[in-house]
Amino acid sequence: MNLPEILDSRVSEDQACYRFLVSADLPCFSGHFPGHPVVPGVVQVQWACEVARRHFPETDCFCGLRNVKFHSLVVPGTRLCLEVRRFGERLGWRLLDDEDHEQVYSQGRMLFRSAE
């Protein structure tokens, strides 16, 4: 799975922030839902996992989610900011409105284990 069109990104040791535009031609809109397209929650989680895997070495083996919340629908044309942060041994994500960082679309924690 690929991320939507990335507008820019900022990365530090403990955080990765990606800004992107949710275009209407994303494959996830096919059939979800006809006439009222929304990004499925599983796709939002996949985006967070993909950003985590790009920047944090401990993400080789996904094993679960905790405290996942979907607050608002993500529709075509939305500009988002995806933050993935390291909190000690855990990784958390928030999918925010790119202009108004107060609006949270989804959030949660990702659990990984070493593949060794």
PDB file of N, CA and C in Angstrom:
ATOM      1  N   MET A   1       0.849  -1.178   0.000  1.00  0.00           N
ATOM      2  CA  MET A   1       0.000   0.000   0.000  1.00  0.00           C
ATOM      3  C   MET A   1       0.889   1.234   0.000  1.00  0.00           C
ATOM      4  N   ASN A   2       0.475   2.228  -0.720  1.00  0.00           N
ATOM      5  CA  ASN A   2       1.229   3.464  -0.791  1.00  0.00           C
ATOM      6  C   ASN A   2       0.496   4.577  -0.066  1.00  0.00           C
ATOM      7  N   LEU A   3       1.271   5.540   0.368  1.00  0.00           N
ATOM      8  CA  LEU A   3       0.697   6.728   0.984  1.00  0.00           C
ATOM      9  C   LEU A   3       0.086   7.612  -0.096  1.00  0.00           C
ATOM     10  N   PRO A   4      -0.836   8.496   0.296  1.00  0.00           N
ATOM     11  CA  PRO A   4      -1.321   9.487  -0.660  1.00  0.00           C
ATOM     12  C   PRO A   4      -0.173  10.399  -1.087  1.00  0.00           C
ATOM     13  N   GLU A   5      -0.455  11.321  -1.976  1.00  0.00           N
ATOM     14  CA  GLU A   5       0.552  12.274  -2.451  1.00  0.00           C
ATOM     15  C   GLU A   5       1.144  13.035  -1.265  1.00  0.00           C
ATOM     16  N   ILE A   6       2.454  12.871  -1.056  1.00  0.00           N
ATOM     17  CA  ILE A   6       3.140  13.518   0.063  1.00  0.00           C
ATOM     18  C   ILE A   6       3.502  14.941  -0.339  1.00  0.00           C
ATOM     19  N   LEU A   7       3.070  15.904   0.472  1.00  0.00           N
ATOM     20  CA  LEU A   7       3.376  17.309   0.218  1.00  0.00           C
ATOM     21  C   LEU A   7       4.727  17.677   0.816  1.00  0.00           C
ATOM     22  N   ASP A   8       5.002  17.180   2.019  1.00  0.00           N
ATOM     23  CA  ASP A   8       6.317  17.312   2.638  1.00  0.00           C
ATOM     24  C   ASP A   8       6.369  16.443   3.883  1.00  0.00           C
ATOM     25  N   SER A   9       7.552  16.341   4.458  1.00  0.00           N
ATOM     26  CA  SER A   9       7.719  15.547   5.674  1.00  0.00           C
ATOM     27  C   SER A   9       8.808  16.161   6.534  1.00  0.00           C
ATOM     28  N   ARG A  10       8.690  15.929   7.833  1.00  0.00           N
ATOM     29  CA  ARG A  10       9.700  16.330   8.813  1.00  0.00           C
ATOM     30  C   ARG A  10       9.957  15.121   9.691  1.00  0.00           C
ATOM     31  N   VAL A  11      11.232  14.845   9.918  1.00  0.00           N
ATOM     32  CA  VAL A  11      11.588  13.663  10.695  1.00  0.00           C
ATOM     33  C   VAL A  11      12.630  14.043  11.727  1.00  0.00           C
ATOM     34  N   SER A  12      12.443  13.558  12.941  1.00  0.00           N
ATOM     35  CA  SER A  12      13.445  13.695  13.992  1.00  0.00           C
ATOM     36  C   SER A  12      13.672  12.305  14.587  1.00  0.00           C
ATOM     37  N   GLU A  13      14.457  12.234  15.620  1.00  0.00           N
ATOM     38  CA  GLU A  13      14.761  10.935  16.229  1.00  0.00           C
ATOM     39  C   GLU A  13      13.520  10.222  16.750  1.00  0.00           C
ATOM     40  N   ASP A  14      12.578  10.982  17.313  1.00  0.00           N
ATOM     41  CA  ASP A  14      11.405  10.381  17.945  1.00  0.00           C
ATOM     42  C   ASP A  14      10.079  10.680  17.262  1.00  0.00           C
ATOM     43  N   GLN A  15      10.100  11.353  16.099  1.00  0.00           N
ATOM     44  CA  GLN A  15       8.843  11.723  15.456  1.00  0.00           C
ATOM     45  C   GLN A  15       9.011  11.850  13.950  1.00  0.00           C
ATOM     46  N   ALA A  16       7.981  11.424  13.230  1.00  0.00           N
ATOM     47  CA  ALA A  16       7.896  11.645  11.781  1.00  0.00           C
ATOM     48  C   ALA A  16       6.548  12.292  11.503  1.00  0.00           C
ATOM     49  N   CYS A  17       6.553  13.384  10.746  1.00  0.00           N
ATOM     50  CA  CYS A  17       5.322  14.087  10.379  1.00  0.00           C
ATOM     51  C   CYS A  17       5.252  14.163   8.867  1.00  0.00           C
ATOM     52  N   TYR A  18       4.197  13.628   8.302  1.00  0.00           N
ATOM     53  CA  TYR A  18       3.971  13.674   6.858  1.00  0.00           C
ATOM     54  C   TYR A  18       2.721  14.488   6.597  1.00  0.00           C
ATOM     55  N   ARG A  19       2.810  15.399   5.658  1.00  0.00           N
ATOM     56  CA  ARG A  19       1.647  16.156   5.197  1.00  0.00           C
ATOM     57  C   ARG A  19       1.271  15.609   3.830  1.00  0.00           C
ATOM     58  N   PHE A  20      -0.004  15.332   3.637  1.00  0.00           N
ATOM     59  CA  PHE A  20      -0.419  14.847   2.332  1.00  0.00           C
ATOM     60  C   PHE A  20      -1.854  15.231   2.005  1.00  0.00           C
ATOM     61  N   LEU A  21      -2.139  15.089   0.724  1.00  0.00           N
ATOM     62  CA  LEU A  21      -3.455  15.399   0.178  1.00  0.00           C
ATOM     63  C   LEU A  21      -4.140  14.089  -0.177  1.00  0.00           C
ATOM     64  N   VAL A  22      -5.359  13.928   0.284  1.00  0.00           N
ATOM     65  CA  VAL A  22      -6.143  12.735  -0.018  1.00  0.00           C
ATOM     66  C   VAL A  22      -6.883  12.990  -1.330  1.00  0.00           C
ATOM     67  N   SER A  23      -6.353  12.438  -2.411  1.00  0.00           N
ATOM     68  CA  SER A  23      -6.971  12.670  -3.723  1.00  0.00           C
ATOM     69  C   SER A  23      -8.109  11.676  -3.965  1.00  0.00           C
ATOM     70  N   ALA A  24      -9.044  12.085  -4.787  1.00  0.00           N
ATOM     71  CA  ALA A  24     -10.232  11.272  -5.060  1.00  0.00           C
ATOM     72  C   ALA A  24      -9.927  10.004  -5.832  1.00  0.00           C
ATOM     73  N   ASP A  25      -8.738   9.890  -6.428  1.00  0.00           N
ATOM     74  CA  ASP A  25      -8.420   8.712  -7.232  1.00  0.00           C
ATOM     75  C   ASP A  25      -7.697   7.611  -6.441  1.00  0.00           C
ATOM     76  N   LEU A  26      -7.625   7.724  -5.120  1.00  0.00           N
ATOM     77  CA  LEU A  26      -6.992   6.659  -4.330  1.00  0.00           C
ATOM     78  C   LEU A  26      -7.790   5.364  -4.454  1.00  0.00           C
ATOM     79  N   PRO A  27      -7.098   4.233  -4.594  1.00  0.00           N
ATOM     80  CA  PRO A  27      -7.795   2.947  -4.735  1.00  0.00           C
ATOM     81  C   PRO A  27      -8.726   2.609  -3.570  1.00  0.00           C
ATOM     82  N   CYS A  28      -8.440   3.122  -2.374  1.00  0.00           N
ATOM     83  CA  CYS A  28      -9.263   2.782  -1.205  1.00  0.00           C
ATOM     84  C   CYS A  28     -10.695   3.308  -1.316  1.00  0.00           C
ATOM     85  N   PHE A  29     -10.950   4.246  -2.219  1.00  0.00           N
ATOM     86  CA  PHE A  29     -12.302   4.773  -2.371  1.00  0.00           C
ATOM     87  C   PHE A  29     -13.191   3.881  -3.230  1.00  0.00           C
ATOM     88  N   SER A  30     -12.603   2.960  -3.951  1.00  0.00           N
ATOM     89  CA  SER A  30     -13.369   2.082  -4.824  1.00  0.00           C
ATOM     90  C   SER A  30     -14.333   1.234  -3.989  1.00  0.00           C
ATOM     91  N   GLY A  31     -15.606   1.548  -4.081  1.00  0.00           N
ATOM     92  CA  GLY A  31     -16.623   0.785  -3.367  1.00  0.00           C
ATOM     93  C   GLY A  31     -16.794   1.148  -1.909  1.00  0.00           C
ATOM     94  N   HIS A  32     -16.117   2.161  -1.428  1.00  0.00           N
ATOM     95  CA  HIS A  32     -16.175   2.497   0.004  1.00  0.00           C
ATOM     96  C   HIS A  32     -16.476   3.976   0.178  1.00  0.00           C
ATOM     97  N   PHE A  33     -17.521   4.444   0.067  1.00  0.00           N
ATOM     98  CA  PHE A  33     -18.841   3.935  -0.238  1.00  0.00           C
ATOM     99  C   PHE A  33     -19.343   4.655  -1.484  1.00  0.00           C
ATOM    100  N   PRO A  34     -20.023   3.961  -2.382  1.00  0.00           N
ATOM    101  CA  PRO A  34     -20.497   4.602  -3.612  1.00  0.00           C
ATOM    102  C   PRO A  34     -21.316   5.859  -3.305  1.00  0.00           C
ATOM    103  N   GLY A  35     -20.907   6.961  -3.916  1.00  0.00           N
ATOM    104  CA  GLY A  35     -21.596   8.226  -3.710  1.00  0.00           C
ATOM    105  C   GLY A  35     -21.157   9.001  -2.483  1.00  0.00           C
ATOM    106  N   HIS A  36     -20.500   8.355  -1.549  1.00  0.00           N
ATOM    107  CA  HIS A  36     -20.030   8.993  -0.316  1.00  0.00           C
ATOM    108  C   HIS A  36     -18.678   8.398   0.072  1.00  0.00           C
ATOM    109  N   PRO A  37     -17.617   8.675  -0.710  1.00  0.00           N
ATOM    110  CA  PRO A  37     -16.323   8.029  -0.462  1.00  0.00           C
ATOM    111  C   PRO A  37     -15.681   8.475   0.857  1.00  0.00           C
ATOM    112  N   VAL A  38     -15.187   7.503   1.614  1.00  0.00           N
ATOM    113  CA  VAL A  38     -14.432   7.750   2.843  1.00  0.00           C
ATOM    114  C   VAL A  38     -13.235   6.808   2.879  1.00  0.00           C
ATOM    115  N   VAL A  39     -12.164   7.258   3.522  1.00  0.00           N
ATOM    116  CA  VAL A  39     -10.984   6.415   3.702  1.00  0.00           C
ATOM    117  C   VAL A  39     -11.294   5.421   4.825  1.00  0.00           C
ATOM    118  N   PRO A  40     -11.232   4.118   4.552  1.00  0.00           N
ATOM    119  CA  PRO A  40     -11.496   3.124   5.589  1.00  0.00           C
ATOM    120  C   PRO A  40     -10.492   3.247   6.746  1.00  0.00           C
ATOM    121  N   GLY A  41     -10.934   2.911   7.933  1.00  0.00           N
ATOM    122  CA  GLY A  41     -10.056   2.958   9.102  1.00  0.00           C
ATOM    123  C   GLY A  41      -8.819   2.105   8.942  1.00  0.00           C
ATOM    124  N   VAL A  42      -8.967   0.935   8.336  1.00  0.00           N
ATOM    125  CA  VAL A  42      -7.821   0.049   8.157  1.00  0.00           C
ATOM    126  C   VAL A  42      -6.759   0.698   7.267  1.00  0.00           C
ATOM    127  N   VAL A  43      -7.168   1.530   6.328  1.00  0.00           N
ATOM    128  CA  VAL A  43      -6.218   2.237   5.464  1.00  0.00           C
ATOM    129  C   VAL A  43      -5.481   3.309   6.279  1.00  0.00           C
ATOM    130  N   GLN A  44      -6.188   4.002   7.154  1.00  0.00           N
ATOM    131  CA  GLN A  44      -5.542   4.997   8.008  1.00  0.00           C
ATOM    132  C   GLN A  44      -4.476   4.342   8.893  1.00  0.00           C
ATOM    133  N   VAL A  45      -4.792   3.186   9.435  1.00  0.00           N
ATOM    134  CA  VAL A  45      -3.813   2.438  10.254  1.00  0.00           C
ATOM    135  C   VAL A  45      -2.633   2.020   9.388  1.00  0.00           C
ATOM    136  N   GLN A  46      -2.894   1.569   8.178  1.00  0.00           N
ATOM    137  CA  GLN A  46      -1.826   1.158   7.268  1.00  0.00           C
ATOM    138  C   GLN A  46      -0.898   2.330   6.948  1.00  0.00           C
ATOM    139  N   TRP A  47      -1.461   3.507   6.734  1.00  0.00           N
ATOM    140  CA  TRP A  47      -0.627   4.692   6.491  1.00  0.00           C
ATOM    141  C   TRP A  47       0.301   4.941   7.677  1.00  0.00           C
ATOM    142  N   ALA A  48      -0.250   4.863   8.892  1.00  0.00           N
ATOM    143  CA  ALA A  48       0.563   5.084  10.092  1.00  0.00           C
ATOM    144  C   ALA A  48       1.672   4.035  10.201  1.00  0.00           C
ATOM    145  N   CYS A  49       1.354   2.776   9.918  1.00  0.00           N
ATOM    146  CA  CYS A  49       2.359   1.711   9.968  1.00  0.00           C
ATOM    147  C   CYS A  49       3.440   1.925   8.913  1.00  0.00           C
ATOM    148  N   GLU A  50       3.049   2.372   7.743  1.00  0.00           N
ATOM    149  CA  GLU A  50       4.027   2.599   6.679  1.00  0.00           C
ATOM    150  C   GLU A  50       5.001   3.714   7.053  1.00  0.00           C
ATOM    151  N   VAL A  51       4.491   4.807   7.601  1.00  0.00           N
ATOM    152  CA  VAL A  51       5.380   5.885   8.053  1.00  0.00           C
ATOM    153  C   VAL A  51       6.280   5.386   9.176  1.00  0.00           C
ATOM    154  N   ALA A  52       5.731   4.622  10.114  1.00  0.00           N
ATOM    155  CA  ALA A  52       6.542   4.066  11.205  1.00  0.00           C
ATOM    156  C   ALA A  52       7.664   3.192  10.664  1.00  0.00           C
ATOM    157  N   ARG A  53       7.355   2.343   9.712  1.00  0.00           N
ATOM    158  CA  ARG A  53       8.368   1.440   9.149  1.00  0.00           C
ATOM    159  C   ARG A  53       9.470   2.193   8.410  1.00  0.00           C
ATOM    160  N   ARG A  54       9.125   3.331   7.836  1.00  0.00           N
ATOM    161  CA  ARG A  54      10.133   4.121   7.117  1.00  0.00           C
ATOM    162  C   ARG A  54      11.162   4.740   8.067  1.00  0.00           C
ATOM    163  N   HIS A  55      10.766   4.977   9.325  1.00  0.00           N
ATOM    164  CA  HIS A  55      11.620   5.792  10.193  1.00  0.00           C
ATOM    165  C   HIS A  55      12.059   5.158  11.503  1.00  0.00           C
ATOM    166  N   PHE A  56      11.436   4.089  11.925  1.00  0.00           N
ATOM    167  CA  PHE A  56      11.777   3.504  13.213  1.00  0.00           C
ATOM    168  C   PHE A  56      12.176   2.044  13.021  1.00  0.00           C
ATOM    169  N   PRO A  57      13.391   1.686  13.392  1.00  0.00           N
ATOM    170  CA  PRO A  57      13.909   0.337  13.115  1.00  0.00           C
ATOM    171  C   PRO A  57      13.181  -0.788  13.849  1.00  0.00           C
ATOM    172  N   GLU A  58      12.512  -0.505  14.935  1.00  0.00           N
ATOM    173  CA  GLU A  58      11.859  -1.566  15.717  1.00  0.00           C
ATOM    174  C   GLU A  58      10.513  -1.999  15.160  1.00  0.00           C
ATOM    175  N   THR A  59      10.172  -1.583  13.964  1.00  0.00           N
ATOM    176  CA  THR A  59       8.843  -1.858  13.420  1.00  0.00           C
ATOM    177  C   THR A  59       8.822  -3.017  12.423  1.00  0.00           C
ATOM    178  N   ASP A  60       9.752  -3.967  12.563  1.00  0.00           N
ATOM    179  CA  ASP A  60       9.788  -5.052  11.587  1.00  0.00           C
ATOM    180  C   ASP A  60       8.591  -5.992  11.689  1.00  0.00           C
ATOM    181  N   CYS A  61       8.029  -6.184  12.849  1.00  0.00           N
ATOM    182  CA  CYS A  61       6.966  -7.185  12.986  1.00  0.00           C
ATOM    183  C   CYS A  61       5.761  -6.593  13.742  1.00  0.00           C
ATOM    184  N   PHE A  62       4.746  -6.179  12.987  1.00  0.00           N
ATOM    185  CA  PHE A  62       3.528  -5.615  13.565  1.00  0.00           C
ATOM    186  C   PHE A  62       2.785  -6.695  14.333  1.00  0.00           C
ATOM    187  N   CYS A  63       2.323  -6.374  15.557  1.00  0.00           N
ATOM    188  CA  CYS A  63       1.586  -7.391  16.321  1.00  0.00           C
ATOM    189  C   CYS A  63       0.303  -6.881  16.974  1.00  0.00           C
ATOM    190  N   GLY A  64      -0.070  -5.618  16.749  1.00  0.00           N
ATOM    191  CA  GLY A  64      -1.352  -5.204  17.298  1.00  0.00           C
ATOM    192  C   GLY A  64      -1.529  -3.709  17.418  1.00  0.00           C
ATOM    193  N   LEU A  65      -2.717  -3.347  17.896  1.00  0.00           N
ATOM    194  CA  LEU A  65      -3.103  -1.952  18.086  1.00  0.00           C
ATOM    195  C   LEU A  65      -3.692  -1.790  19.475  1.00  0.00           C
ATOM    196  N   ARG A  66      -3.576  -0.585  19.999  1.00  0.00           N
ATOM    197  CA  ARG A  66      -4.193  -0.245  21.284  1.00  0.00           C
ATOM    198  C   ARG A  66      -4.781   1.160  21.164  1.00  0.00           C
ATOM    199  N   ASN A  67      -5.843   1.390  21.909  1.00  0.00           N
ATOM    200  CA  ASN A  67      -6.440   2.708  22.046  1.00  0.00           C
ATOM    201  C   ASN A  67      -6.727   3.395  20.712  1.00  0.00           C
ATOM    202  N   VAL A  68      -7.224   2.655  19.756  1.00  0.00           N
ATOM    203  CA  VAL A  68      -7.522   3.210  18.433  1.00  0.00           C
ATOM    204  C   VAL A  68      -8.870   3.921  18.480  1.00  0.00           C
ATOM    205  N   LYS A  69      -8.874   5.141  17.937  1.00  0.00           N
ATOM    206  CA  LYS A  69     -10.104   5.919  17.878  1.00  0.00           C
ATOM    207  C   LYS A  69     -10.195   6.571  16.510  1.00  0.00           C
ATOM    208  N   PHE A  70     -11.378   6.490  15.914  1.00  0.00           N
ATOM    209  CA  PHE A  70     -11.665   7.162  14.654  1.00  0.00           C
ATOM    210  C   PHE A  70     -12.688   8.248  14.974  1.00  0.00           C
ATOM    211  N   HIS A  71     -12.253   9.500  14.902  1.00  0.00           N
ATOM    212  CA  HIS A  71     -13.083  10.620  15.333  1.00  0.00           C
ATOM    213  C   HIS A  71     -13.915  11.237  14.215  1.00  0.00           C
ATOM    214  N   SER A  72     -13.343  11.319  13.009  1.00  0.00           N
ATOM    215  CA  SER A  72     -14.016  11.999  11.892  1.00  0.00           C
ATOM    216  C   SER A  72     -13.740  11.251  10.599  1.00  0.00           C
ATOM    217  N   LEU A  73     -14.640  11.402   9.642  1.00  0.00           N
ATOM    218  CA  LEU A  73     -14.469  10.775   8.337  1.00  0.00           C
ATOM    219  C   LEU A  73     -13.406  11.514   7.529  1.00  0.00           C
ATOM    220  N   VAL A  74     -12.566  10.750   6.839  1.00  0.00           N
ATOM    221  CA  VAL A  74     -11.582  11.311   5.909  1.00  0.00           C
ATOM    222  C   VAL A  74     -12.150  11.132   4.510  1.00  0.00           C
ATOM    223  N   VAL A  75     -12.349  12.249   3.816  1.00  0.00           N
ATOM    224  CA  VAL A  75     -12.970  12.246   2.495  1.00  0.00           C
ATOM    225  C   VAL A  75     -11.997  12.812   1.463  1.00  0.00           C
ATOM    226  N   PRO A  76     -12.270  12.595   0.166  1.00  0.00           N
ATOM    227  CA  PRO A  76     -11.395  13.156  -0.863  1.00  0.00           C
ATOM    228  C   PRO A  76     -11.244  14.668  -0.714  1.00  0.00           C
ATOM    229  N   GLY A  77     -10.032  15.139  -0.978  1.00  0.00           N
ATOM    230  CA  GLY A  77      -9.731  16.560  -0.895  1.00  0.00           C
ATOM    231  C   GLY A  77      -9.212  17.014   0.455  1.00  0.00           C
ATOM    232  N   THR A  78      -9.231  16.127   1.450  1.00  0.00           N
ATOM    233  CA  THR A  78      -8.745  16.484   2.781  1.00  0.00           C
ATOM    234  C   THR A  78      -7.222  16.569   2.776  1.00  0.00           C
ATOM    235  N   ARG A  79      -6.702  17.609   3.405  1.00  0.00           N
ATOM    236  CA  ARG A  79      -5.253  17.753   3.599  1.00  0.00           C
ATOM    237  C   ARG A  79      -4.952  17.328   5.031  1.00  0.00           C
ATOM    238  N   LEU A  80      -4.078  16.338   5.152  1.00  0.00           N
ATOM    239  CA  LEU A  80      -3.810  15.727   6.452  1.00  0.00           C
ATOM    240  C   LEU A  80      -2.363  15.874   6.879  1.00  0.00           C
ATOM    241  N   CYS A  81      -2.172  15.778   8.181  1.00  0.00           N
ATOM    242  CA  CYS A  81      -0.851  15.678   8.780  1.00  0.00           C
ATOM    243  C   CYS A  81      -0.852  14.381   9.584  1.00  0.00           C
ATOM    244  N   LEU A  82       0.020  13.464   9.230  1.00  0.00           N
ATOM    245  CA  LEU A  82       0.147  12.202   9.946  1.00  0.00           C
ATOM    246  C   LEU A  82       1.393  12.275  10.817  1.00  0.00           C
ATOM    247  N   GLU A  83       1.192  12.229  12.132  1.00  0.00           N
ATOM    248  CA  GLU A  83       2.295  12.232  13.087  1.00  0.00           C
ATOM    249  C   GLU A  83       2.464  10.833  13.652  1.00  0.00           C
ATOM    250  N   VAL A  84       3.679  10.330  13.596  1.00  0.00           N
ATOM    251  CA  VAL A  84       4.008   9.068  14.251  1.00  0.00           C
ATOM    252  C   VAL A  84       5.117   9.395  15.244  1.00  0.00           C
ATOM    253  N   ARG A  85       4.886   9.060  16.518  1.00  0.00           N
ATOM    254  CA  ARG A  85       5.840   9.401  17.578  1.00  0.00           C
ATOM    255  C   ARG A  85       6.231   8.174  18.380  1.00  0.00           C
ATOM    256  N   ARG A  86       7.473   8.206  18.828  1.00  0.00           N
ATOM    257  CA  ARG A  86       7.964   7.162  19.725  1.00  0.00           C
ATOM    258  C   ARG A  86       7.754   7.643  21.157  1.00  0.00           C
ATOM    259  N   PHE A  87       7.146   6.783  21.960  1.00  0.00           N
ATOM    260  CA  PHE A  87       6.965   7.019  23.388  1.00  0.00           C
ATOM    261  C   PHE A  87       7.620   5.857  24.112  1.00  0.00           C
ATOM    262  N   GLY A  88       8.896   5.977  24.403  1.00  0.00           N
ATOM    263  CA  GLY A  88       9.612   4.864  25.017  1.00  0.00           C
ATOM    264  C   GLY A  88       9.634   3.686  24.072  1.00  0.00           C
ATOM    265  N   GLU A  89       9.018   2.589  24.468  1.00  0.00           N
ATOM    266  CA  GLU A  89       8.981   1.369  23.661  1.00  0.00           C
ATOM    267  C   GLU A  89       7.795   1.334  22.696  1.00  0.00           C
ATOM    268  N   ARG A  90       6.916   2.305  22.797  1.00  0.00           N
ATOM    269  CA  ARG A  90       5.694   2.301  21.987  1.00  0.00           C
ATOM    270  C   ARG A  90       5.758   3.338  20.882  1.00  0.00           C
ATOM    271  N   LEU A  91       4.914   3.146  19.890  1.00  0.00           N
ATOM    272  CA  LEU A  91       4.735   4.131  18.824  1.00  0.00           C
ATOM    273  C   LEU A  91       3.264   4.513  18.773  1.00  0.00           C
ATOM    274  N   GLY A  92       3.019   5.796  18.652  1.00  0.00           N
ATOM    275  CA  GLY A  92       1.647   6.264  18.546  1.00  0.00           C
ATOM    276  C   GLY A  92       1.484   7.092  17.285  1.00  0.00           C
ATOM    277  N   TRP A  93       0.248   7.195  16.819  1.00  0.00           N
ATOM    278  CA  TRP A  93      -0.014   8.043  15.657  1.00  0.00           C
ATOM    279  C   TRP A  93      -1.243   8.903  15.916  1.00  0.00           C
ATOM    280  N   ARG A  94      -1.250  10.036  15.210  1.00  0.00           N
ATOM    281  CA  ARG A  94      -2.421  10.911  15.136  1.00  0.00           C
ATOM    282  C   ARG A  94      -2.536  11.377  13.700  1.00  0.00           C
ATOM    283  N   LEU A  95      -3.716  11.301  13.157  1.00  0.00           N
ATOM    284  CA  LEU A  95      -4.016  11.810  11.827  1.00  0.00           C
ATOM    285  C   LEU A  95      -4.822  13.082  12.037  1.00  0.00           C
ATOM    286  N   LEU A  96      -4.209  14.220  11.672  1.00  0.00           N
ATOM    287  CA  LEU A  96      -4.766  15.534  11.978  1.00  0.00           C
ATOM    288  C   LEU A  96      -5.111  16.304  10.719  1.00  0.00           C
ATOM    289  N   ASP A  97      -5.999  17.274  10.858  1.00  0.00           N
ATOM    290  CA  ASP A  97      -6.246  18.217   9.786  1.00  0.00           C
ATOM    291  C   ASP A  97      -4.979  19.047   9.605  1.00  0.00           C
ATOM    292  N   ASP A  98      -4.515  19.201   8.383  1.00  0.00           N
ATOM    293  CA  ASP A  98      -3.256  19.888   8.117  1.00  0.00           C
ATOM    294  C   ASP A  98      -3.312  21.375   8.454  1.00  0.00           C
ATOM    295  N   GLU A  99      -4.465  21.975   8.378  1.00  0.00           N
ATOM    296  CA  GLU A  99      -4.569  23.407   8.664  1.00  0.00           C
ATOM    297  C   GLU A  99      -4.948  23.668  10.113  1.00  0.00           C
ATOM    298  N   ASP A 100      -5.843  22.870  10.639  1.00  0.00           N
ATOM    299  CA  ASP A 100      -6.309  23.030  12.015  1.00  0.00           C
ATOM    300  C   ASP A 100      -5.885  21.791  12.798  1.00  0.00           C
ATOM    301  N   HIS A 101      -4.723  21.814  13.397  1.00  0.00           N
ATOM    302  CA  HIS A 101      -4.190  20.635  14.081  1.00  0.00           C
ATOM    303  C   HIS A 101      -5.015  20.228  15.297  1.00  0.00           C
ATOM    304  N   GLU A 102      -6.067  20.965  15.586  1.00  0.00           N
ATOM    305  CA  GLU A 102      -6.965  20.590  16.681  1.00  0.00           C
ATOM    306  C   GLU A 102      -7.908  19.458  16.249  1.00  0.00           C
ATOM    307  N   GLN A 103      -8.210  19.382  14.957  1.00  0.00           N
ATOM    308  CA  GLN A 103      -9.117  18.350  14.432  1.00  0.00           C
ATOM    309  C   GLN A 103      -8.347  17.042  14.268  1.00  0.00           C
ATOM    310  N   VAL A 104      -8.723  16.028  15.037  1.00  0.00           N
ATOM    311  CA  VAL A 104      -8.091  14.713  14.958  1.00  0.00           C
ATOM    312  C   VAL A 104      -9.042  13.771  14.225  1.00  0.00           C
ATOM    313  N   TYR A 105      -8.548  13.137  13.162  1.00  0.00           N
ATOM    314  CA  TYR A 105      -9.350  12.166  12.413  1.00  0.00           C
ATOM    315  C   TYR A 105      -9.244  10.777  13.019  1.00  0.00           C
ATOM    316  N   SER A 106      -8.016  10.371  13.375  1.00  0.00           N
ATOM    317  CA  SER A 106      -7.831   9.077  14.024  1.00  0.00           C
ATOM    318  C   SER A 106      -6.555   9.122  14.853  1.00  0.00           C
ATOM    319  N   GLN A 107      -6.451   8.167  15.761  1.00  0.00           N
ATOM    320  CA  GLN A 107      -5.263   8.078  16.610  1.00  0.00           C
ATOM    321  C   GLN A 107      -5.198   6.700  17.244  1.00  0.00           C
ATOM    322  N   GLY A 108      -4.024   6.349  17.712  1.00  0.00           N
ATOM    323  CA  GLY A 108      -3.871   5.077  18.401  1.00  0.00           C
ATOM    324  C   GLY A 108      -2.410   4.747  18.629  1.00  0.00           C
ATOM    325  N   ARG A 109      -2.173   3.562  19.160  1.00  0.00           N
ATOM    326  CA  ARG A 109      -0.819   3.074  19.398  1.00  0.00           C
ATOM    327  C   ARG A 109      -0.623   1.805  18.582  1.00  0.00           C
ATOM    328  N   MET A 110       0.578   1.654  18.046  1.00  0.00           N
ATOM    329  CA  MET A 110       0.947   0.475  17.271  1.00  0.00           C
ATOM    330  C   MET A 110       1.913  -0.356  18.097  1.00  0.00           C
ATOM    331  N   LEU A 111       1.718  -1.661  18.083  1.00  0.00           N
ATOM    332  CA  LEU A 111       2.576  -2.568  18.828  1.00  0.00           C
ATOM    333  C   LEU A 111       3.397  -3.395  17.832  1.00  0.00           C
ATOM    334  N   PHE A 112       4.683  -3.506  18.097  1.00  0.00           N
ATOM    335  CA  PHE A 112       5.594  -4.258  17.247  1.00  0.00           C
ATOM    336  C   PHE A 112       6.433  -5.158  18.141  1.00  0.00           C
ATOM    337  N   ARG A 113       6.948  -6.222  17.570  1.00  0.00           N
ATOM    338  CA  ARG A 113       7.909  -7.060  18.282  1.00  0.00           C
ATOM    339  C   ARG A 113       9.069  -7.330  17.366  1.00  0.00           C
ATOM    340  N   SER A 114      10.178  -7.678  17.935  1.00  0.00           N
ATOM    341  CA  SER A 114      11.369  -7.955  17.166  1.00  0.00           C
ATOM    342  C   SER A 114      11.143  -9.232  16.346  1.00  0.00           C
ATOM    343  N   ALA A 115      11.644  -9.249  15.151  1.00  0.00           N
ATOM    344  CA  ALA A 115      11.495 -10.429  14.288  1.00  0.00           C
ATOM    345  C   ALA A 115      12.508 -11.508  14.634  1.00  0.00           C
ATOM    346  N   GLU A 116      13.377 -11.260  15.565  1.00  0.00           N
ATOM    347  CA  GLU A 116      14.426 -12.245  15.945  1.00  0.00           C
ATOM    348  C   GLU A 116      13.856 -13.429  16.685  1.00  0.00           C
TER     349      GLU A 116
END
